[in-house]
Amino acid sequence: MDVQTNGHEPPGQTATEASPIRGSTDGADTGRPPRQSPVVMPPPTAGRGVLDGAFAILEALATDDGGLALTALAAASGLAKTSAYRLAEQLTALGAVQRVDHRYYIGARIGRLGQRWQPNPVLRAAAQAPVHTLAVQARAPALLRTLHDGRLQTICTTGQHGHAYLPSPADPDSTARTATGRVLYATQTGTDDRALPGCWTMPEWRLLRAHIRDVHATVVDQQETAPGICCVSAPVWAPNSVCAGAVTVVVHAPKPPNGLRDLVLCAASSISARLR
């Protein structure tokens, strides 16, 4: 890796209402409006219990690609077996969970909803045009990524013929070996060097952190992550001086073409300006 610088169930909500009480004099109505007893409402936290349980089911299923039988699902979600069964069946009826051979899995409905999630919609809006321009100028896939829960998340991407497939590393060390990952880890604030992925030595991390805020700083991966592929990445800075993401170009070449670093820096600068 080369561092470059150019210069459970909701209760029924049935209101219990007492009969109107009317005062009277000699059997005559006083004409005053009837006084009604207060409406009895469920506790304000009752609905949240069901939601918590449903999400506990979904979280448990999301962490196991092999699916979970009912006993394992109850244990993983922290719910009683009867509650886990009831919620899992309700979620199955809604398409949020699917059941195959007595095992539960994440359902298609959650998959569709998840595809609409964006870690940072504002950043995506600011980056789409510069990333597209970068891909056209570099004649190579370009993308903007962030770190979320220790994994790379693609904000936007443009490739040859309008699309590109770029796999995401599965663990912090693999992520930090990429040019994008190294930029994102090095720019994290409030992180002790010893907490950084161990694929690079402490002196290497400190050197990168010392130079990454230079306005001309880029990180270059020259076939270190994958043979025949080079990546050039630069940080995008938010107005509060926090790294908002890393813009990267991926080229199939033994080394980055001349001028590629300048194109990446220009795209990063353009995105940063749009964020302001």
Foldseek 3Di string as FASTA:
>chain_A
DDKDFDCCDADDFDWDKDDFDFDDDPPDGPPDDTDIDDTDGDPPCRVVNRVLQLVLLVVLQVVDPVFAAQVVSCVSSVHDSVRSVVSQVVCCVVQQWPDDPRGIHGGPVVVVVVVPDAPDLLLLVLQPVLQQVLCVVQVFKKFKWAADPLWIDTSDIAGVVGDDDDDIDDGQLLQCLAQFSVLRQLQDPPDDLVPHDPNDDSVVSVVCNVPQPRLRIWGKDQCPNHRQKIKIKHFAAAPVRGTPTIMMTIDRHRGRDPPSSVSRSVSSPSSNVSND
